[in-house]
C-alpha atoms as a PDB file:
ATOM      1  CA  MET A   1      -3.275   4.803   1.392  1.00  0.00           C
ATOM      2  CA  ASP A   2      -0.914   3.479   4.070  1.00  0.00           C
ATOM      3  CA  ASP A   3       3.081   3.954   4.009  1.00  0.00           C
ATOM      4  CA  LYS A   4       3.877   0.094   2.809  1.00  0.00           C
ATOM      5  CA  LYS A   5       1.724   0.804  -0.169  1.00  0.00           C
ATOM      6  CA  LYS A   6       3.164   4.300  -0.916  1.00  0.00           C
ATOM      7  CA  GLU A   7       6.750   2.575  -0.461  1.00  0.00           C
ATOM      8  CA  GLN A   8       5.724  -0.351  -2.682  1.00  0.00           C
ATOM      9  CA  ILE A   9       4.215   1.858  -5.767  1.00  0.00           C
ATOM     10  CA  VAL A  10       7.476   3.652  -5.704  1.00  0.00           C
ATOM     11  CA  PHE A  11       9.759   0.596  -5.457  1.00  0.00           C
ATOM     12  CA  VAL A  12       7.427  -1.006  -8.302  1.00  0.00           C
ATOM     13  CA  LEU A  13       7.590   2.149 -10.585  1.00  0.00           C
ATOM     14  CA  GLU A  14      11.601   2.957  -9.846  1.00  0.00           C
ATOM     15  CA  ASP A  15      12.308  -0.784 -10.546  1.00  0.00           C
ATOM     16  CA  ASP A  16      10.376  -0.765 -14.014  1.00  0.00           C
ATOM     17  CA  ASN A  17      11.869   2.579 -15.152  1.00  0.00           C
ATOM     18  CA  GLU A  18      15.528   1.026 -14.513  1.00  0.00           C
ATOM     19  CA  VAL A  19      14.718  -1.755 -16.567  1.00  0.00           C
ATOM     20  CA  MET A  20      13.287   0.646 -19.576  1.00  0.00           C
ATOM     21  CA  THR A  21      16.264   3.062 -18.314  1.00  0.00           C
ATOM     22  CA  ALA A  22      18.663  -0.001 -19.459  1.00  0.00           C
ATOM     23  CA  GLY A  23      16.578  -0.340 -22.933  1.00  0.00           C
ATOM     24  CA  LEU A  24      17.183   2.728 -24.176  1.00  0.00           C
ATOM     25  CA  ASP A  25      21.406   2.110 -24.439  1.00  0.00           C
ATOM     26  CA  THR A  26      22.253   1.931 -27.907  1.00  0.00           C
ATOM     27  CA  ASP A  27      22.962  -1.771 -27.705  1.00  0.00           C
ATOM     28  CA  SER A  28      20.058  -2.838 -25.938  1.00  0.00           C
ATOM     29  CA  GLY A  29      18.462  -4.137 -29.591  1.00  0.00           C
ATOM     30  CA  LEU A  30      15.349  -1.954 -29.048  1.00  0.00           C
ATOM     31  CA  ASP A  31      13.749  -0.229 -31.990  1.00  0.00           C
ATOM     32  CA  GLU A  32      13.613   4.028 -32.047  1.00  0.00           C
ATOM     33  CA  GLU A  33       9.905   3.434 -31.089  1.00  0.00           C
ATOM     34  CA  ASN A  34      10.342   0.969 -27.947  1.00  0.00           C
ATOM     35  CA  LYS A  35      12.641   3.700 -26.672  1.00  0.00           C
ATOM     36  CA  LYS A  36      10.270   6.342 -27.734  1.00  0.00           C
ATOM     37  CA  MET A  37       7.390   4.682 -25.768  1.00  0.00           C
ATOM     38  CA  ASN A  38       9.988   3.508 -22.659  1.00  0.00           C
ATOM     39  CA  ARG A  39      10.824   7.378 -22.738  1.00  0.00           C
ATOM     40  CA  ALA A  40       7.414   8.415 -22.534  1.00  0.00           C
ATOM     41  CA  LEU A  41       6.676   5.349 -19.887  1.00  0.00           C
ATOM     42  CA  ILE A  42       9.271   6.397 -17.663  1.00  0.00           C
ATOM     43  CA  GLN A  43       8.161  10.247 -17.351  1.00  0.00           C
ATOM     44  CA  GLU A  44       4.651   8.921 -16.420  1.00  0.00           C
ATOM     45  CA  HIS A  45       6.296   6.654 -14.061  1.00  0.00           C
ATOM     46  CA  GLU A  46       7.947   9.668 -12.526  1.00  0.00           C
ATOM     47  CA  LYS A  47       4.997  12.010 -12.570  1.00  0.00           C
ATOM     48  CA  ILE A  48       3.450   8.887 -10.518  1.00  0.00           C
ATOM     49  CA  VAL A  49       6.061   8.388  -7.866  1.00  0.00           C
ATOM     50  CA  GLY A  50       5.744  12.581  -7.457  1.00  0.00           C
ATOM     51  CA  LYS A  51       2.095  12.234  -6.855  1.00  0.00           C
ATOM     52  CA  VAL A  52       2.651   9.566  -4.316  1.00  0.00           C
ATOM     53  CA  LYS A  53       5.618  11.687  -2.388  1.00  0.00           C
ATOM     54  CA  ARG A  54       3.387  14.498  -2.540  1.00  0.00           C
ATOM     55  CA  LYS A  55       0.320  13.049  -1.058  1.00  0.00           C
ATOM     56  CA  GLU A  56      -1.748  13.085  -4.570  1.00  0.00           C
ATOM     57  CA  VAL A  57      -4.653  10.928  -5.429  1.00  0.00           C
ATOM     58  CA  LEU A  58      -3.930   8.907  -8.200  1.00  0.00           C
ATOM     59  CA  ALA A  59      -6.334   8.741 -11.539  1.00  0.00           C
ATOM     60  CA  GLY A  60      -7.402   6.056 -12.918  1.00  0.00           C
ATOM     61  CA  MET A  61      -4.432   5.794 -15.509  1.00  0.00           C
ATOM     62  CA  ASP A  62      -2.422   6.036 -12.818  1.00  0.00           C
ATOM     63  CA  LEU A  63      -3.455   3.430 -10.809  1.00  0.00           C
ATOM     64  CA  LYS A  64      -3.063   1.083 -14.521  1.00  0.00           C
ATOM     65  CA  LEU A  65       0.477   1.908 -14.967  1.00  0.00           C
ATOM     66  CA  VAL A  66       1.264   1.112 -11.253  1.00  0.00           C
ATOM     67  CA  ARG A  67      -0.689  -2.383 -11.565  1.00  0.00           C
ATOM     68  CA  ASP A  68       1.604  -2.915 -15.133  1.00  0.00           C
ATOM     69  CA  ALA A  69       4.598  -2.587 -13.092  1.00  0.00           C
ATOM     70  CA  ASN A  70       3.730  -4.224 -10.149  1.00  0.00           C
ATOM     71  CA  GLU A  71       2.753  -7.400 -12.085  1.00  0.00           C
ATOM     72  CA  ILE A  72       6.274  -8.619 -12.625  1.00  0.00           C
ATOM     73  CA  HIS A  73       6.478  -8.556  -8.885  1.00  0.00           C
ATOM     74  CA  VAL A  74       2.801 -10.789  -8.576  1.00  0.00           C
ATOM     75  CA  ASN A  75       4.468 -13.703 -10.377  1.00  0.00           C
ATOM     76  CA  ASP A  76       7.406 -13.493  -8.502  1.00  0.00           C
ATOM     77  CA  VAL A  77       5.865 -16.180  -6.850  1.00  0.00           C
ATOM     78  CA  ASP A  78       9.728 -17.508  -5.406  1.00  0.00           C
ATOM     79  CA  ASN A  79      10.285 -14.538  -4.334  1.00  0.00           C
ATOM     80  CA  VAL A  80      13.706 -13.540  -6.123  1.00  0.00           C
ATOM     81  CA  ASN A  81      13.429  -9.514  -5.874  1.00  0.00           C
ATOM     82  CA  GLY A  82      12.175 -10.262  -2.205  1.00  0.00           C
ATOM     83  CA  HIS A  83       9.362  -8.260  -2.764  1.00  0.00           C
ATOM     84  CA  HIS A  84       6.417 -11.139  -3.751  1.00  0.00           C
ATOM     85  CA  SER A  85       4.062  -9.979  -0.422  1.00  0.00           C
ATOM     86  CA  GLU A  86       4.300  -6.163  -0.673  1.00  0.00           C
ATOM     87  CA  ALA A  87       3.353  -7.262  -4.677  1.00  0.00           C
ATOM     88  CA  MET A  88       0.269  -9.150  -3.694  1.00  0.00           C
ATOM     89  CA  ALA A  89      -0.974  -6.616  -0.835  1.00  0.00           C
ATOM     90  CA  LEU A  90      -0.689  -3.697  -3.530  1.00  0.00           C
ATOM     91  CA  ASN A  91      -2.625  -5.785  -6.126  1.00  0.00           C
ATOM     92  CA  GLU A  92      -5.638  -6.708  -3.882  1.00  0.00           C
ATOM     93  CA  TRP A  93      -5.802  -2.904  -3.224  1.00  0.00           C
ATOM     94  CA  LEU A  94      -5.338  -2.063  -7.062  1.00  0.00           C
ATOM     95  CA  GLU A  95      -8.230  -4.093  -7.102  1.00  0.00           C
ATOM     96  CA  GLN A  96     -10.487  -2.005  -4.504  1.00  0.00           C
ATOM     97  CA  MET A  97      -9.508   0.980  -6.074  1.00  0.00           C
ATOM     98  CA  THR A  98      -9.942   0.252  -9.858  1.00  0.00           C
ATOM     99  CA  GLU A  99     -13.193   0.990 -11.115  1.00  0.00           C
ATOM    100  CA  LEU A 100     -15.440  -1.594 -13.320  1.00  0.00           C
ATOM    101  CA  THR A 101     -17.276  -1.347 -16.240  1.00  0.00           C
ATOM    102  CA  LYS A 102     -20.525  -2.994 -15.423  1.00  0.00           C
ATOM    103  CA  GLU A 103     -19.423  -5.386 -18.354  1.00  0.00           C
ATOM    104  CA  GLN A 104     -16.037  -6.033 -16.069  1.00  0.00           C
ATOM    105  CA  ALA A 105     -18.007  -6.275 -12.920  1.00  0.00           C
ATOM    106  CA  MET A 106     -21.002  -9.085 -14.762  1.00  0.00           C
ATOM    107  CA  LYS A 107     -17.841 -10.854 -16.167  1.00  0.00           C
ATOM    108  CA  ILE A 108     -15.881 -10.901 -12.895  1.00  0.00           C
ATOM    109  CA  LEU A 109     -19.065 -12.283 -10.977  1.00  0.00           C
ATOM    110  CA  GLU A 110     -19.544 -15.460 -13.883  1.00  0.00           C
ATOM    111  CA  GLU A 111     -16.370 -16.320 -13.281  1.00  0.00           C
ATOM    112  CA  TYR A 112     -16.432 -16.220  -9.514  1.00  0.00           C
ATOM    113  CA  LEU A 113     -19.890 -17.665  -9.710  1.00  0.00           C
ATOM    114  CA  ASP A 114     -18.670 -20.488 -11.664  1.00  0.00           C
ATOM    115  CA  LYS A 115     -15.682 -21.471  -9.991  1.00  0.00           C
ATOM    116  CA  ASN A 116     -18.509 -22.820  -7.284  1.00  0.00           C
ATOM    117  CA  SER A 117     -20.871 -25.694  -8.418  1.00  0.00           C
ATOM    118  CA  GLY A 118     -22.859 -25.576  -5.320  1.00  0.00           C
ATOM    119  CA  VAL A 119     -24.022 -21.884  -6.586  1.00  0.00           C
ATOM    120  CA  PRO A 120     -27.725 -21.937  -6.600  1.00  0.00           C
ATOM    121  CA  ALA A 121     -30.053 -21.365  -9.951  1.00  0.00           C
ATOM    122  CA  ARG A 122     -31.349 -18.312  -8.611  1.00  0.00           C
ATOM    123  CA  VAL A 123     -27.946 -16.499  -8.005  1.00  0.00           C
ATOM    124  CA  TYR A 124     -27.394 -16.743 -11.611  1.00  0.00           C
ATOM    125  CA  ARG A 125     -30.907 -15.645 -12.488  1.00  0.00           C
ATOM    126  CA  ALA A 126     -30.383 -12.860 -10.110  1.00  0.00           C
ATOM    127  CA  LEU A 127     -27.014 -12.061 -12.210  1.00  0.00           C
ATOM    128  CA  HIS A 128     -28.375 -12.322 -15.379  1.00  0.00           C
ATOM    129  CA  THR A 129     -31.400  -9.884 -14.126  1.00  0.00           C
ATOM    130  CA  LEU A 130     -28.685  -7.418 -13.499  1.00  0.00           C
ATOM    131  CA  TRP A 131     -26.962  -7.474 -16.777  1.00  0.00           C
ATOM    132  CA  GLU A 132     -30.094  -7.166 -18.139  1.00  0.00           C
ATOM    133  CA  GLU A 133     -31.390  -3.838 -16.534  1.00  0.00           C
ATOM    134  CA  ALA A 134     -27.482  -2.854 -17.221  1.00  0.00           C
ATOM    135  CA  THR A 135     -27.305  -3.426 -20.644  1.00  0.00           C
ATOM    136  CA  PRO A 136     -28.980  -1.370 -23.779  1.00  0.00           C
ATOM    137  CA  ASN A 137     -31.547  -3.537 -25.122  1.00  0.00           C
ATOM    138  CA  ASP A 138     -30.352  -4.130 -28.677  1.00  0.00           C
ATOM    139  CA  ILE A 139     -26.900  -5.648 -27.067  1.00  0.00           C
ATOM    140  CA  VAL A 140     -28.249  -8.300 -25.721  1.00  0.00           C
ATOM    141  CA  LYS A 141     -29.929 -10.875 -27.919  1.00  0.00           C
ATOM    142  CA  GLU A 142     -30.594 -13.701 -25.936  1.00  0.00           C
ATOM    143  CA  PRO A 143     -30.436 -14.716 -22.344  1.00  0.00           C
ATOM    144  CA  GLY A 144     -26.672 -16.286 -21.116  1.00  0.00           C
ATOM    145  CA  PHE A 145     -28.086 -18.472 -18.474  1.00  0.00           C
ATOM    146  CA  ASP A 146     -31.313 -21.189 -18.936  1.00  0.00           C
ATOM    147  CA  LYS A 147     -34.210 -21.284 -16.925  1.00  0.00           C
ATOM    148  CA  ASN A 148     -31.862 -23.679 -14.315  1.00  0.00           C
ATOM    149  CA  GLY A 149     -29.475 -20.970 -14.088  1.00  0.00           C
ATOM    150  CA  LEU A 150     -26.777 -23.372 -16.225  1.00  0.00           C
ATOM    151  CA  LYS A 151     -25.075 -21.375 -18.978  1.00  0.00           C
ATOM    152  CA  GLN A 152     -26.158 -21.557 -22.521  1.00  0.00           C
END
């Protein structure tokens, strides 16, 4: 992980912690259950920041929490907070680092292929074949695509 990604991870976690810490104030309007969740998330964020600073590998849940904290900056297309491009770069990196289940991988492929009307039917057929291989027999009752590669 390069230094820019480390800096962005620390930034988004600390930024999220500031917001959650403000929610802990007595006049914040948050109920005790939400305050308890905020405290727990702040602790998890601090652990992740420690891991980043110690150059330790981040686990799957760590990456999920980083992604959640980064989301506000990814959505900041007007770059109000000045970290949109860094957030987008971190988001791309997180996409590469996050493991997918077979189901998630198949869904991503289907969505991507559906955006392009020029995808040949055999590509859909290949995808369906992989899906059948990856799925236990009792889960899929019918094919997702017809003989022409069209979704049913």
